[in-house]
Amino acid sequence: RIESRLYFGKVIGYPGLSGTSDISVISPSELVILDYKHGAGVVVEPSTSKQLRLYLLGLIHEVGPRDRYKLVIVQPRARHSEGPVRTHSITHAEIKSFAKEAKNAAKANFEKTGRRQAGEHCRFCLAASSCRELANFSLSLAIKEFAD
């Protein structure tokens, strides 16, 4: 499938949450989620991509579990020792564990009990312009930079 909407929110208790997978490959024994990243500045690793794991949760929910799962990043403009296409295999136990982590994070977010923690990961956040935590973090960096 190309550019398919995956509803991972149903798995973690918030049905409205979804995302669009660039490519989803479905076979009787394996599911593959592939994401194309055009940027050169930020290298994305399939082994740590929560985005790909969320999409995989949605795909598993839709088509059922399989024996194998792969997460693939295609990033032709980024320099990486493994090249522009990187693959990470993930087990069913790992994706189930991630589902629990994602459910807890979503719950904390929607109930406003979670703690914001600013950092490099804020780079693409849609709320960055109005986030007090990010503003304080940026100010502390500026103070350190210009301390001398």
N, C-alpha and C. Protein backbone atom coordinates (compact mmCIF):
# COMPACT_ATOMS: atom_id res chain seq x y z
N ARG A 1 0.84 -1.19 0.00
CA ARG A 1 0.00 0.00 0.00
C ARG A 1 0.88 1.24 0.00
N ILE A 2 0.45 2.26 -0.67
CA ILE A 2 1.16 3.53 -0.70
C ILE A 2 0.28 4.60 -0.06
N GLU A 3 0.91 5.41 0.82
CA GLU A 3 0.20 6.51 1.48
C GLU A 3 -1.13 6.06 2.10
N SER A 4 -1.05 5.08 3.00
CA SER A 4 -2.27 4.58 3.62
C SER A 4 -2.40 5.07 5.06
N ARG A 5 -3.61 5.43 5.43
CA ARG A 5 -3.91 5.91 6.77
C ARG A 5 -3.95 4.72 7.71
N LEU A 6 -3.20 4.81 8.82
CA LEU A 6 -3.16 3.73 9.81
C LEU A 6 -3.64 4.28 11.15
N TYR A 7 -4.63 3.63 11.73
CA TYR A 7 -5.26 4.09 12.97
C TYR A 7 -4.68 3.36 14.17
N PHE A 8 -3.52 3.82 14.61
CA PHE A 8 -2.86 3.22 15.78
C PHE A 8 -3.53 3.63 17.08
N GLY A 9 -4.29 4.70 17.08
CA GLY A 9 -4.94 5.18 18.29
C GLY A 9 -5.90 4.17 18.90
N LYS A 10 -6.51 3.36 18.07
CA LYS A 10 -7.43 2.34 18.58
C LYS A 10 -6.71 1.36 19.50
N VAL A 11 -5.45 1.10 19.21
CA VAL A 11 -4.66 0.15 19.99
C VAL A 11 -4.28 0.73 21.35
N ILE A 12 -4.09 2.04 21.42
CA ILE A 12 -3.61 2.65 22.66
C ILE A 12 -4.70 3.42 23.41
N GLY A 13 -5.95 3.23 23.00
CA GLY A 13 -7.06 3.80 23.75
C GLY A 13 -7.51 5.19 23.32
N TYR A 14 -7.00 5.70 22.21
CA TYR A 14 -7.38 7.01 21.70
C TYR A 14 -7.65 6.89 20.20
N PRO A 15 -8.87 6.43 19.83
CA PRO A 15 -9.18 6.06 18.45
C PRO A 15 -8.90 7.12 17.39
N GLY A 16 -8.89 8.38 17.72
CA GLY A 16 -8.69 9.40 16.71
C GLY A 16 -7.26 9.53 16.22
N LEU A 17 -6.31 8.92 16.91
CA LEU A 17 -4.90 9.06 16.53
C LEU A 17 -4.58 8.17 15.33
N SER A 18 -3.93 8.78 14.34
CA SER A 18 -3.56 8.02 13.14
C SER A 18 -2.39 8.70 12.46
N GLY A 19 -1.89 8.07 11.46
CA GLY A 19 -0.81 8.62 10.65
C GLY A 19 -0.84 7.97 9.29
N THR A 20 -0.07 8.54 8.37
CA THR A 20 -0.04 8.02 7.01
C THR A 20 1.31 7.37 6.74
N SER A 21 1.26 6.09 6.50
CA SER A 21 2.46 5.33 6.17
C SER A 21 2.80 5.56 4.71
N ASP A 22 4.07 5.84 4.42
CA ASP A 22 4.48 6.02 3.03
C ASP A 22 4.27 4.73 2.25
N ILE A 23 4.78 3.63 2.79
CA ILE A 23 4.58 2.32 2.17
C ILE A 23 4.35 1.29 3.27
N SER A 24 3.32 0.48 3.10
CA SER A 24 3.04 -0.65 3.99
C SER A 24 3.02 -1.91 3.14
N VAL A 25 3.84 -2.88 3.52
CA VAL A 25 3.89 -4.15 2.80
C VAL A 25 3.25 -5.22 3.67
N ILE A 26 2.28 -5.91 3.10
CA ILE A 26 1.53 -6.93 3.85
C ILE A 26 1.70 -8.26 3.14
N SER A 27 2.25 -9.24 3.85
CA SER A 27 2.33 -10.59 3.31
C SER A 27 1.79 -11.54 4.37
N PRO A 28 1.57 -12.78 4.03
CA PRO A 28 1.04 -13.72 5.02
C PRO A 28 1.93 -13.90 6.25
N SER A 29 3.24 -13.68 6.11
CA SER A 29 4.15 -13.93 7.23
C SER A 29 4.86 -12.69 7.75
N GLU A 30 4.70 -11.54 7.06
CA GLU A 30 5.49 -10.37 7.45
C GLU A 30 4.74 -9.08 7.16
N LEU A 31 4.99 -8.08 8.03
CA LEU A 31 4.53 -6.71 7.81
C LEU A 31 5.75 -5.81 7.77
N VAL A 32 5.76 -4.88 6.82
CA VAL A 32 6.86 -3.94 6.68
C VAL A 32 6.28 -2.53 6.61
N ILE A 33 6.84 -1.64 7.40
CA ILE A 33 6.49 -0.23 7.35
C ILE A 33 7.72 0.52 6.83
N LEU A 34 7.54 1.26 5.74
CA LEU A 34 8.65 2.00 5.14
C LEU A 34 8.30 3.49 5.16
N ASP A 35 9.27 4.29 5.60
CA ASP A 35 9.08 5.74 5.64
C ASP A 35 10.20 6.42 4.87
N TYR A 36 9.82 7.31 3.97
CA TYR A 36 10.78 8.08 3.18
C TYR A 36 11.02 9.41 3.89
N LYS A 37 12.28 9.71 4.14
CA LYS A 37 12.68 10.98 4.75
C LYS A 37 13.55 11.71 3.73
N HIS A 38 13.13 12.88 3.32
CA HIS A 38 13.85 13.61 2.28
C HIS A 38 14.97 14.46 2.87
N GLY A 39 14.87 14.84 4.13
CA GLY A 39 15.84 15.75 4.73
C GLY A 39 17.22 15.15 4.88
N ALA A 40 18.22 16.03 4.85
CA ALA A 40 19.61 15.61 4.98
C ALA A 40 20.15 15.89 6.38
N GLY A 41 19.54 16.81 7.10
CA GLY A 41 20.12 17.27 8.37
C GLY A 41 19.88 16.37 9.56
N VAL A 42 18.77 15.68 9.61
CA VAL A 42 18.43 14.85 10.76
C VAL A 42 18.35 13.39 10.31
N VAL A 43 19.31 12.60 10.75
CA VAL A 43 19.31 11.17 10.41
C VAL A 43 18.30 10.46 11.30
N VAL A 44 17.43 9.68 10.69
CA VAL A 44 16.41 8.94 11.42
C VAL A 44 16.78 7.46 11.41
N GLU A 45 16.76 6.86 12.58
CA GLU A 45 17.09 5.44 12.72
C GLU A 45 15.81 4.61 12.83
N PRO A 46 15.68 3.57 12.04
CA PRO A 46 14.47 2.74 12.15
C PRO A 46 14.38 2.03 13.50
N SER A 47 15.50 1.78 14.14
CA SER A 47 15.49 1.06 15.42
C SER A 47 14.92 1.89 16.56
N THR A 48 14.88 3.22 16.42
CA THR A 48 14.37 4.06 17.49
C THR A 48 13.17 4.91 17.07
N SER A 49 12.69 4.73 15.87
CA SER A 49 11.59 5.55 15.36
C SER A 49 10.25 5.16 15.99
N LYS A 50 9.74 6.03 16.84
CA LYS A 50 8.43 5.79 17.44
C LYS A 50 7.33 5.94 16.40
N GLN A 51 7.55 6.81 15.43
CA GLN A 51 6.60 7.00 14.35
C GLN A 51 6.35 5.67 13.62
N LEU A 52 7.42 4.98 13.24
CA LEU A 52 7.27 3.71 12.53
C LEU A 52 6.60 2.66 13.41
N ARG A 53 6.92 2.66 14.69
CA ARG A 53 6.30 1.69 15.60
C ARG A 53 4.81 1.96 15.75
N LEU A 54 4.43 3.23 15.82
CA LEU A 54 3.00 3.55 15.90
C LEU A 54 2.28 3.10 14.64
N TYR A 55 2.89 3.34 13.49
CA TYR A 55 2.28 2.89 12.24
C TYR A 55 2.15 1.37 12.20
N LEU A 56 3.17 0.69 12.70
CA LEU A 56 3.11 -0.77 12.74
C LEU A 56 1.98 -1.24 13.64
N LEU A 57 1.78 -0.58 14.78
CA LEU A 57 0.65 -0.92 15.65
C LEU A 57 -0.67 -0.82 14.90
N GLY A 58 -0.82 0.26 14.13
CA GLY A 58 -2.04 0.44 13.35
C GLY A 58 -2.23 -0.63 12.30
N LEU A 59 -1.14 -1.01 11.65
CA LEU A 59 -1.22 -2.03 10.61
C LEU A 59 -1.55 -3.39 11.21
N ILE A 60 -0.93 -3.72 12.34
CA ILE A 60 -1.23 -4.99 13.01
C ILE A 60 -2.70 -5.02 13.43
N HIS A 61 -3.18 -3.89 13.94
CA HIS A 61 -4.60 -3.82 14.36
C HIS A 61 -5.52 -4.06 13.16
N GLU A 62 -5.13 -3.53 12.01
CA GLU A 62 -5.98 -3.63 10.82
C GLU A 62 -5.95 -5.01 10.17
N VAL A 63 -4.75 -5.60 10.03
CA VAL A 63 -4.62 -6.84 9.25
C VAL A 63 -4.27 -8.06 10.08
N GLY A 64 -4.00 -7.86 11.37
CA GLY A 64 -3.65 -8.98 12.23
C GLY A 64 -2.15 -9.18 12.35
N PRO A 65 -1.75 -9.91 13.40
CA PRO A 65 -0.32 -10.12 13.65
C PRO A 65 0.31 -11.05 12.60
N ARG A 66 1.63 -10.94 12.50
CA ARG A 66 2.40 -11.78 11.59
C ARG A 66 3.59 -12.37 12.35
N ASP A 67 4.36 -13.20 11.67
CA ASP A 67 5.54 -13.81 12.27
C ASP A 67 6.71 -12.83 12.39
N ARG A 68 6.81 -11.91 11.41
CA ARG A 68 7.94 -10.98 11.37
C ARG A 68 7.46 -9.57 11.08
N TYR A 69 8.25 -8.61 11.61
CA TYR A 69 7.97 -7.19 11.38
C TYR A 69 9.27 -6.47 11.05
N LYS A 70 9.19 -5.56 10.06
CA LYS A 70 10.37 -4.77 9.70
C LYS A 70 9.99 -3.30 9.61
N LEU A 71 10.90 -2.46 10.09
CA LEU A 71 10.78 -1.02 9.99
C LEU A 71 11.90 -0.54 9.08
N VAL A 72 11.55 0.26 8.08
CA VAL A 72 12.53 0.68 7.08
C VAL A 72 12.50 2.20 6.93
N ILE A 73 13.68 2.80 6.94
CA ILE A 73 13.84 4.23 6.64
C ILE A 73 14.60 4.34 5.34
N VAL A 74 14.07 5.13 4.41
CA VAL A 74 14.76 5.47 3.17
C VAL A 74 15.07 6.95 3.27
N GLN A 75 16.35 7.27 3.33
CA GLN A 75 16.78 8.66 3.52
C GLN A 75 17.98 8.93 2.61
N PRO A 76 17.72 9.17 1.33
CA PRO A 76 18.81 9.25 0.35
C PRO A 76 19.74 10.45 0.52
N ARG A 77 19.30 11.51 1.17
CA ARG A 77 20.14 12.71 1.27
C ARG A 77 20.97 12.75 2.56
N ALA A 78 20.71 11.86 3.49
CA ALA A 78 21.45 11.86 4.76
C ALA A 78 22.66 10.93 4.66
N ARG A 79 23.76 11.38 5.22
CA ARG A 79 24.95 10.53 5.25
C ARG A 79 24.85 9.58 6.44
N HIS A 80 24.99 8.31 6.14
CA HIS A 80 24.89 7.28 7.18
C HIS A 80 25.82 6.14 6.81
N SER A 81 26.50 5.60 7.79
CA SER A 81 27.45 4.51 7.52
C SER A 81 26.78 3.27 6.92
N GLU A 82 25.48 3.10 7.19
CA GLU A 82 24.75 1.95 6.65
C GLU A 82 24.07 2.25 5.32
N GLY A 83 24.24 3.46 4.83
CA GLY A 83 23.66 3.83 3.54
C GLY A 83 22.30 4.50 3.67
N PRO A 84 21.67 4.76 2.54
CA PRO A 84 20.41 5.50 2.54
C PRO A 84 19.18 4.68 2.93
N VAL A 85 19.28 3.36 2.88
CA VAL A 85 18.16 2.50 3.25
C VAL A 85 18.57 1.67 4.45
N ARG A 86 17.83 1.84 5.55
CA ARG A 86 18.16 1.13 6.78
C ARG A 86 16.94 0.37 7.28
N THR A 87 17.17 -0.87 7.72
CA THR A 87 16.08 -1.75 8.14
C THR A 87 16.32 -2.24 9.56
N HIS A 88 15.23 -2.34 10.30
CA HIS A 88 15.30 -2.87 11.66
C HIS A 88 14.16 -3.88 11.84
N SER A 89 14.50 -5.07 12.29
CA SER A 89 13.48 -6.07 12.60
C SER A 89 13.04 -5.90 14.04
N ILE A 90 11.77 -6.11 14.28
CA ILE A 90 11.21 -5.96 15.62
C ILE A 90 10.33 -7.17 15.91
N THR A 91 10.36 -7.65 17.14
CA THR A 91 9.59 -8.83 17.51
C THR A 91 8.18 -8.42 17.95
N HIS A 92 7.31 -9.40 17.99
CA HIS A 92 5.95 -9.15 18.46
C HIS A 92 5.96 -8.71 19.93
N ALA A 93 6.83 -9.29 20.73
CA ALA A 93 6.94 -8.89 22.14
C ALA A 93 7.38 -7.43 22.27
N GLU A 94 8.31 -7.01 21.41
CA GLU A 94 8.79 -5.62 21.46
C GLU A 94 7.69 -4.64 21.07
N ILE A 95 6.90 -4.99 20.06
CA ILE A 95 5.84 -4.08 19.63
C ILE A 95 4.72 -4.03 20.66
N LYS A 96 4.47 -5.14 21.35
CA LYS A 96 3.47 -5.14 22.43
C LYS A 96 3.94 -4.28 23.59
N SER A 97 5.21 -4.36 23.92
CA SER A 97 5.79 -3.53 24.98
C SER A 97 5.71 -2.05 24.60
N PHE A 98 6.01 -1.75 23.34
CA PHE A 98 5.90 -0.37 22.88
C PHE A 98 4.46 0.12 22.96
N ALA A 99 3.50 -0.73 22.67
CA ALA A 99 2.09 -0.34 22.74
C ALA A 99 1.73 0.11 24.16
N LYS A 100 2.24 -0.57 25.17
CA LYS A 100 1.99 -0.16 26.56
C LYS A 100 2.62 1.20 26.84
N GLU A 101 3.84 1.39 26.38
CA GLU A 101 4.54 2.67 26.55
C GLU A 101 3.76 3.80 25.87
N ALA A 102 3.31 3.55 24.64
CA ALA A 102 2.56 4.56 23.89
C ALA A 102 1.22 4.87 24.56
N LYS A 103 0.58 3.84 25.08
CA LYS A 103 -0.71 4.05 25.77
C LYS A 103 -0.51 4.94 26.99
N ASN A 104 0.53 4.69 27.76
CA ASN A 104 0.80 5.51 28.95
C ASN A 104 1.14 6.94 28.56
N ALA A 105 1.91 7.11 27.50
CA ALA A 105 2.28 8.46 27.05
C ALA A 105 1.06 9.22 26.55
N ALA A 106 0.22 8.56 25.78
CA ALA A 106 -0.99 9.21 25.26
C ALA A 106 -1.92 9.59 26.41
N LYS A 107 -2.06 8.70 27.36
CA LYS A 107 -2.93 8.98 28.52
C LYS A 107 -2.42 10.20 29.28
N ALA A 108 -1.12 10.25 29.54
CA ALA A 108 -0.54 11.38 30.26
C ALA A 108 -0.73 12.67 29.47
N ASN A 109 -0.63 12.59 28.16
CA ASN A 109 -0.82 13.77 27.32
C ASN A 109 -2.27 14.26 27.36
N PHE A 110 -3.21 13.37 27.12
CA PHE A 110 -4.60 13.78 27.05
C PHE A 110 -5.18 14.16 28.41
N GLU A 111 -4.66 13.57 29.47
CA GLU A 111 -5.13 13.93 30.82
C GLU A 111 -4.32 15.07 31.42
N LYS A 112 -3.34 15.54 30.66
CA LYS A 112 -2.47 16.65 31.07
C LYS A 112 -1.75 16.38 32.39
N THR A 113 -1.38 15.10 32.58
CA THR A 113 -0.61 14.73 33.76
C THR A 113 0.85 14.45 33.42
N GLY A 114 1.15 14.44 32.14
CA GLY A 114 2.53 14.19 31.70
C GLY A 114 3.40 15.43 31.90
N ARG A 115 4.68 15.19 31.96
CA ARG A 115 5.64 16.28 32.12
C ARG A 115 6.32 16.52 30.79
N ARG A 116 6.26 17.75 30.32
CA ARG A 116 6.96 18.08 29.08
C ARG A 116 8.46 18.14 29.36
N GLN A 117 9.22 17.67 28.41
CA GLN A 117 10.67 17.69 28.54
C GLN A 117 11.24 18.14 27.19
N ALA A 118 11.71 19.37 27.18
CA ALA A 118 12.22 19.95 25.93
C ALA A 118 13.58 19.38 25.57
N GLY A 119 13.87 19.37 24.29
CA GLY A 119 15.17 18.90 23.81
C GLY A 119 15.19 18.89 22.30
N GLU A 120 16.18 18.23 21.73
CA GLU A 120 16.33 18.15 20.28
C GLU A 120 15.09 17.56 19.60
N HIS A 121 14.38 16.68 20.30
CA HIS A 121 13.21 16.04 19.73
C HIS A 121 12.08 17.03 19.44
N CYS A 122 12.16 18.24 19.96
CA CYS A 122 11.12 19.26 19.76
C CYS A 122 11.19 19.90 18.37
N ARG A 123 12.21 19.60 17.63
CA ARG A 123 12.47 20.23 16.34
C ARG A 123 11.26 20.26 15.41
N PHE A 124 10.49 19.20 15.36
CA PHE A 124 9.37 19.12 14.43
C PHE A 124 8.00 19.20 15.13
N CYS A 125 7.99 19.57 16.39
CA CYS A 125 6.74 19.60 17.16
C CYS A 125 5.83 20.73 16.68
N LEU A 126 4.57 20.42 16.48
CA LEU A 126 3.60 21.43 16.05
C LEU A 126 3.29 22.44 17.14
N ALA A 127 3.56 22.10 18.40
CA ALA A 127 3.27 23.01 19.51
C ALA A 127 4.49 23.81 19.94
N ALA A 128 5.59 23.71 19.22
CA ALA A 128 6.84 24.35 19.62
C ALA A 128 6.69 25.86 19.84
N SER A 129 5.91 26.52 19.01
CA SER A 129 5.80 27.98 19.11
C SER A 129 5.07 28.44 20.35
N SER A 130 4.31 27.56 20.99
CA SER A 130 3.56 27.96 22.18
C SER A 130 3.95 27.17 23.43
N CYS A 131 5.06 26.44 23.39
CA CYS A 131 5.45 25.58 24.50
C CYS A 131 6.37 26.34 25.48
N ARG A 132 5.90 26.51 26.70
CA ARG A 132 6.68 27.21 27.72
C ARG A 132 7.94 26.43 28.08
N GLU A 133 7.85 25.11 28.12
CA GLU A 133 9.01 24.28 28.45
C GLU A 133 10.12 24.47 27.42
N LEU A 134 9.75 24.50 26.14
CA LEU A 134 10.74 24.70 25.09
C LEU A 134 11.32 26.11 25.16
N ALA A 135 10.49 27.10 25.45
CA ALA A 135 10.99 28.48 25.58
C ALA A 135 12.01 28.58 26.71
N ASN A 136 11.72 27.97 27.85
CA ASN A 136 12.65 27.99 28.98
C ASN A 136 13.94 27.25 28.64
N PHE A 137 13.82 26.13 27.96
CA PHE A 137 14.99 25.35 27.54
C PHE A 137 15.87 26.18 26.59
N SER A 138 15.25 26.83 25.63
CA SER A 138 15.99 27.65 24.67
C SER A 138 16.67 28.83 25.36
N LEU A 139 15.98 29.44 26.31
CA LEU A 139 16.55 30.54 27.06
C LEU A 139 17.76 30.09 27.87
N SER A 140 17.66 28.91 28.50
CA SER A 140 18.79 28.41 29.29
C SER A 140 20.00 28.12 28.39
N LEU A 141 19.76 27.63 27.18
CA LEU A 141 20.86 27.42 26.23
C LEU A 141 21.50 28.74 25.84
N ALA A 142 20.70 29.75 25.60
CA ALA A 142 21.22 31.06 25.22
C ALA A 142 22.03 31.67 26.36
N ILE A 143 21.57 31.54 27.58
CA ILE A 143 22.29 32.06 28.74
C ILE A 143 23.65 31.40 28.85
N LYS A 144 23.71 30.08 28.68
CA LYS A 144 24.98 29.36 28.73
C LYS A 144 25.90 29.79 27.59
N GLU A 145 25.35 29.95 26.41
CA GLU A 145 26.13 30.31 25.23
C GLU A 145 26.78 31.70 25.38
N PHE A 146 26.03 32.62 25.94
CA PHE A 146 26.51 34.00 26.04
C PHE A 146 27.01 34.36 27.43
N ALA A 147 27.26 33.37 28.27
CA ALA A 147 27.69 33.62 29.66
C ALA A 147 29.01 34.38 29.72
N ASP A 148 29.90 34.11 28.80
CA ASP A 148 31.19 34.79 28.81
C ASP A 148 31.05 36.20 28.27
